[in-house]
Amino acid sequence: MPNSKTGDDGAAIDPRYDPAFQRGFEGAVATGPRGQSTLRRTAAVNPAPARMPAQAAQPAERVEPAAVEPAEPLPTLAGAAEPASAAAMDAAPPPVTTPRELIRNPFMIALAALAALLILVGSIWAYEGFAAIVKNGGTRNEVEFWSAQTMSFGAPLTIVAGVAIAAVLLVLFGRSWQRGRA
């Protein structure tokens, strides 16, 4: 027969907790004060002020719209004057038509140099990062570890950027060559 100190399976009931919520308790539930779990009463809500009786709204006076004079008509294209000559208008520069003209462009030269430089630097970084990790017996301090990690992540990205720039240049040269053949 269970009592207040043990449950029905003989396990001791922990006095720190309410016995009604412990395994094996049978009997009347007698809980004490709830302490922090009780609902706190909030401050009284101010009642709504008494409403004034609704007053009938006075209808507004109707104002008639004023007469509007028609605006003068807009000019049409038929009445527009033709330009004196086509040469008077600013003409766009002629498109680059040959790869030779593209090679002379200083920006294309700079892009080609940047692509070659990125591929070269990325390849050197990849070799140095591999050598720091594998060939030299691993890293010896934090600086070598940091530099090896930077090289192993930065080298492929640098090579890919160089190859992407070279691909863009090839597309530009190909388009120029195609226009020259047409």
Protein backbone atom coordinates (compact mmCIF):
# COMPACT_ATOMS: atom_id res chain seq x y z
CA MET A 1 0.00 0.00 0.00
CA PRO A 2 1.58 3.27 -1.05
CA ASN A 3 1.97 6.05 1.43
CA SER A 4 3.04 9.69 1.12
CA LYS A 5 6.74 8.71 1.22
CA THR A 6 6.74 6.02 -1.48
CA GLY A 7 4.84 5.43 -4.70
CA ASP A 8 2.92 2.29 -5.64
CA ASP A 9 6.04 0.65 -7.09
CA GLY A 10 8.02 1.36 -3.91
CA ALA A 11 10.08 4.22 -5.41
CA ALA A 12 10.69 7.07 -3.05
CA ILE A 13 8.79 10.24 -3.76
CA ASP A 14 11.03 13.27 -3.99
CA PRO A 15 9.88 15.85 -1.40
CA ARG A 16 11.19 18.73 -3.52
CA TYR A 17 8.43 18.26 -6.09
CA ASP A 18 4.69 17.94 -5.97
CA PRO A 19 3.91 14.23 -5.42
CA ALA A 20 0.94 14.38 -7.79
CA PHE A 21 3.35 14.72 -10.72
CA GLN A 22 5.72 11.88 -9.75
CA ARG A 23 5.65 8.34 -11.07
CA GLY A 24 3.68 5.89 -9.00
CA PHE A 25 1.69 8.41 -6.93
CA GLU A 26 -1.84 7.41 -6.04
CA GLY A 27 -3.98 9.37 -3.75
CA ALA A 28 -5.60 12.74 -3.27
CA VAL A 29 -3.89 15.67 -4.90
CA ALA A 30 -3.03 18.26 -2.32
CA THR A 31 -0.86 20.96 -3.79
CA GLY A 32 0.55 23.77 -1.78
CA PRO A 33 1.05 27.38 -2.79
CA ARG A 34 2.27 27.77 -6.34
CA GLY A 35 4.73 30.60 -5.76
CA GLN A 36 6.08 31.94 -9.03
CA SER A 37 3.68 29.98 -11.19
CA THR A 38 0.54 31.81 -10.07
CA LEU A 39 -0.96 34.33 -12.39
CA ARG A 40 -0.25 37.85 -11.33
CA ARG A 41 -3.01 40.35 -11.44
CA THR A 42 -2.32 43.14 -13.80
CA ALA A 43 -3.12 46.74 -13.06
CA ALA A 44 -6.74 47.65 -13.53
CA VAL A 45 -7.46 48.72 -17.04
CA ASN A 46 -8.83 52.19 -17.30
CA PRO A 47 -12.39 51.92 -18.41
CA ALA A 48 -13.27 53.53 -21.73
CA PRO A 49 -14.53 57.08 -21.32
CA ALA A 50 -18.22 57.55 -21.69
CA ARG A 51 -19.08 58.16 -25.29
CA MET A 52 -20.82 61.28 -26.37
CA PRO A 53 -24.05 60.71 -28.19
CA ALA A 54 -23.53 60.76 -31.93
CA GLN A 55 -24.43 64.07 -33.52
CA ALA A 56 -25.89 64.18 -36.95
CA ALA A 57 -23.30 65.35 -39.43
CA GLN A 58 -24.15 68.46 -41.42
CA PRO A 59 -24.03 67.81 -45.16
CA ALA A 60 -21.41 69.86 -46.98
CA GLU A 61 -22.42 72.41 -49.57
CA ARG A 62 -22.24 71.24 -53.14
CA VAL A 63 -19.85 73.27 -55.25
CA GLU A 64 -20.24 73.19 -59.00
CA PRO A 65 -17.01 72.55 -60.97
CA ALA A 66 -15.58 75.55 -62.77
CA ALA A 67 -15.49 75.58 -66.53
CA VAL A 68 -12.08 74.63 -67.95
CA GLU A 69 -10.80 76.17 -71.15
CA PRO A 70 -9.39 73.65 -73.65
CA ALA A 71 -5.60 73.63 -73.85
CA GLU A 72 -3.87 74.42 -77.10
CA PRO A 73 -3.14 71.28 -79.12
CA LEU A 74 0.27 69.64 -78.94
CA PRO A 75 2.46 69.61 -82.05
CA THR A 76 2.48 66.40 -84.05
CA LEU A 77 5.33 64.65 -85.83
CA ALA A 78 3.90 65.57 -89.21
CA GLY A 79 4.53 69.22 -88.46
CA ALA A 80 8.05 68.69 -87.09
CA ALA A 81 10.86 70.13 -89.14
CA GLU A 82 13.35 67.72 -90.70
CA PRO A 83 16.98 68.08 -89.61
CA ALA A 84 19.18 70.02 -92.02
CA SER A 85 21.46 67.06 -92.62
CA ALA A 86 22.36 63.75 -91.07
CA ALA A 87 25.93 64.95 -90.61
CA ALA A 88 24.72 67.65 -88.23
CA MET A 89 23.70 64.95 -85.78
CA ASP A 90 26.35 63.37 -83.57
CA ALA A 91 27.32 60.13 -85.22
CA ALA A 92 28.35 57.09 -83.17
CA PRO A 93 31.93 55.97 -83.66
CA PRO A 94 32.28 53.14 -86.14
CA PRO A 95 32.35 49.70 -84.53
CA VAL A 96 35.62 47.84 -84.19
CA THR A 97 35.68 45.45 -87.08
CA THR A 98 39.01 43.64 -87.05
CA PRO A 99 40.95 41.77 -84.38
CA ARG A 100 43.95 43.94 -85.24
CA GLU A 101 42.04 47.00 -84.00
CA LEU A 102 41.14 45.13 -80.81
CA ILE A 103 44.80 44.26 -80.19
CA ARG A 104 45.68 47.94 -80.34
CA ASN A 105 43.11 48.77 -77.64
CA PRO A 106 45.06 49.48 -74.40
CA PHE A 107 42.23 48.13 -72.26
CA MET A 108 42.33 44.79 -74.07
CA ILE A 109 46.10 44.65 -73.55
CA ALA A 110 45.61 45.36 -69.84
CA LEU A 111 42.95 42.62 -69.58
CA ALA A 112 45.20 40.11 -71.34
CA ALA A 113 48.10 40.98 -69.03
CA LEU A 114 45.81 40.70 -65.98
CA ALA A 115 44.56 37.29 -67.11
CA ALA A 116 48.11 35.99 -67.62
CA LEU A 117 49.22 37.44 -64.28
CA LEU A 118 46.31 35.90 -62.38
CA ILE A 119 46.93 32.46 -63.89
CA LEU A 120 50.66 32.69 -63.13
CA VAL A 121 50.20 33.91 -59.54
CA GLY A 122 47.50 31.30 -58.89
CA SER A 123 49.75 28.53 -60.16
CA ILE A 124 52.65 29.70 -57.97
CA TRP A 125 50.36 29.95 -54.95
CA ALA A 126 49.01 26.45 -55.55
CA TYR A 127 52.54 25.01 -55.76
CA GLU A 128 53.76 26.90 -52.66
CA GLY A 129 50.67 25.92 -50.65
CA PHE A 130 51.12 22.27 -51.62
CA ALA A 131 54.83 22.43 -50.77
CA ALA A 132 54.16 24.02 -47.36
CA ILE A 133 51.70 21.30 -46.40
CA VAL A 134 53.19 18.16 -47.95
CA LYS A 135 56.82 18.55 -48.97
CA ASN A 136 58.22 20.43 -45.98
CA GLY A 137 56.74 18.12 -43.37
CA GLY A 138 53.75 20.29 -42.56
CA THR A 139 53.46 23.72 -41.05
CA ARG A 140 55.64 24.63 -38.10
CA ASN A 141 53.80 27.66 -36.71
CA GLU A 142 50.56 29.59 -37.05
CA VAL A 143 51.85 31.93 -39.75
CA GLU A 144 52.84 29.04 -42.02
CA PHE A 145 49.51 27.34 -41.35
CA TRP A 146 47.59 30.54 -42.15
CA SER A 147 49.57 31.16 -45.34
CA ALA A 148 49.14 27.53 -46.47
CA GLN A 149 45.38 27.75 -45.90
CA THR A 150 45.18 31.07 -47.74
CA MET A 151 47.14 29.66 -50.66
CA SER A 152 45.03 26.51 -50.85
CA PHE A 153 41.81 28.54 -51.01
CA GLY A 154 43.08 31.57 -52.92
CA ALA A 155 45.05 29.80 -55.64
CA PRO A 156 42.11 28.07 -57.36
CA LEU A 157 40.02 31.24 -57.21
CA THR A 158 42.86 33.27 -58.73
CA ILE A 159 43.36 30.76 -61.52
CA VAL A 160 39.61 30.66 -62.27
CA ALA A 161 39.48 34.48 -62.40
CA GLY A 162 42.38 34.53 -64.87
CA VAL A 163 40.81 31.86 -67.07
CA ALA A 164 37.45 33.72 -66.98
CA ILE A 165 39.10 36.96 -68.13
CA ALA A 166 40.90 35.07 -70.91
CA ALA A 167 37.57 33.52 -71.98
CA VAL A 168 35.95 36.97 -72.16
CA LEU A 169 38.82 38.19 -74.33
CA LEU A 170 38.45 35.18 -76.63
CA VAL A 171 34.73 35.88 -77.01
CA LEU A 172 35.44 39.52 -77.88
CA PHE A 173 38.05 38.52 -80.47
CA GLY A 174 35.74 35.87 -81.90
CA ARG A 175 32.87 38.34 -82.31
CA SER A 176 35.20 40.81 -83.96
CA TRP A 177 36.54 38.14 -86.34
CA GLN A 178 32.99 37.00 -87.18
CA ARG A 179 31.93 40.57 -88.04
CA GLY A 180 35.00 40.93 -90.28
CA ARG A 181 34.04 37.82 -92.28
CA ALA A 182 30.45 38.88 -92.84
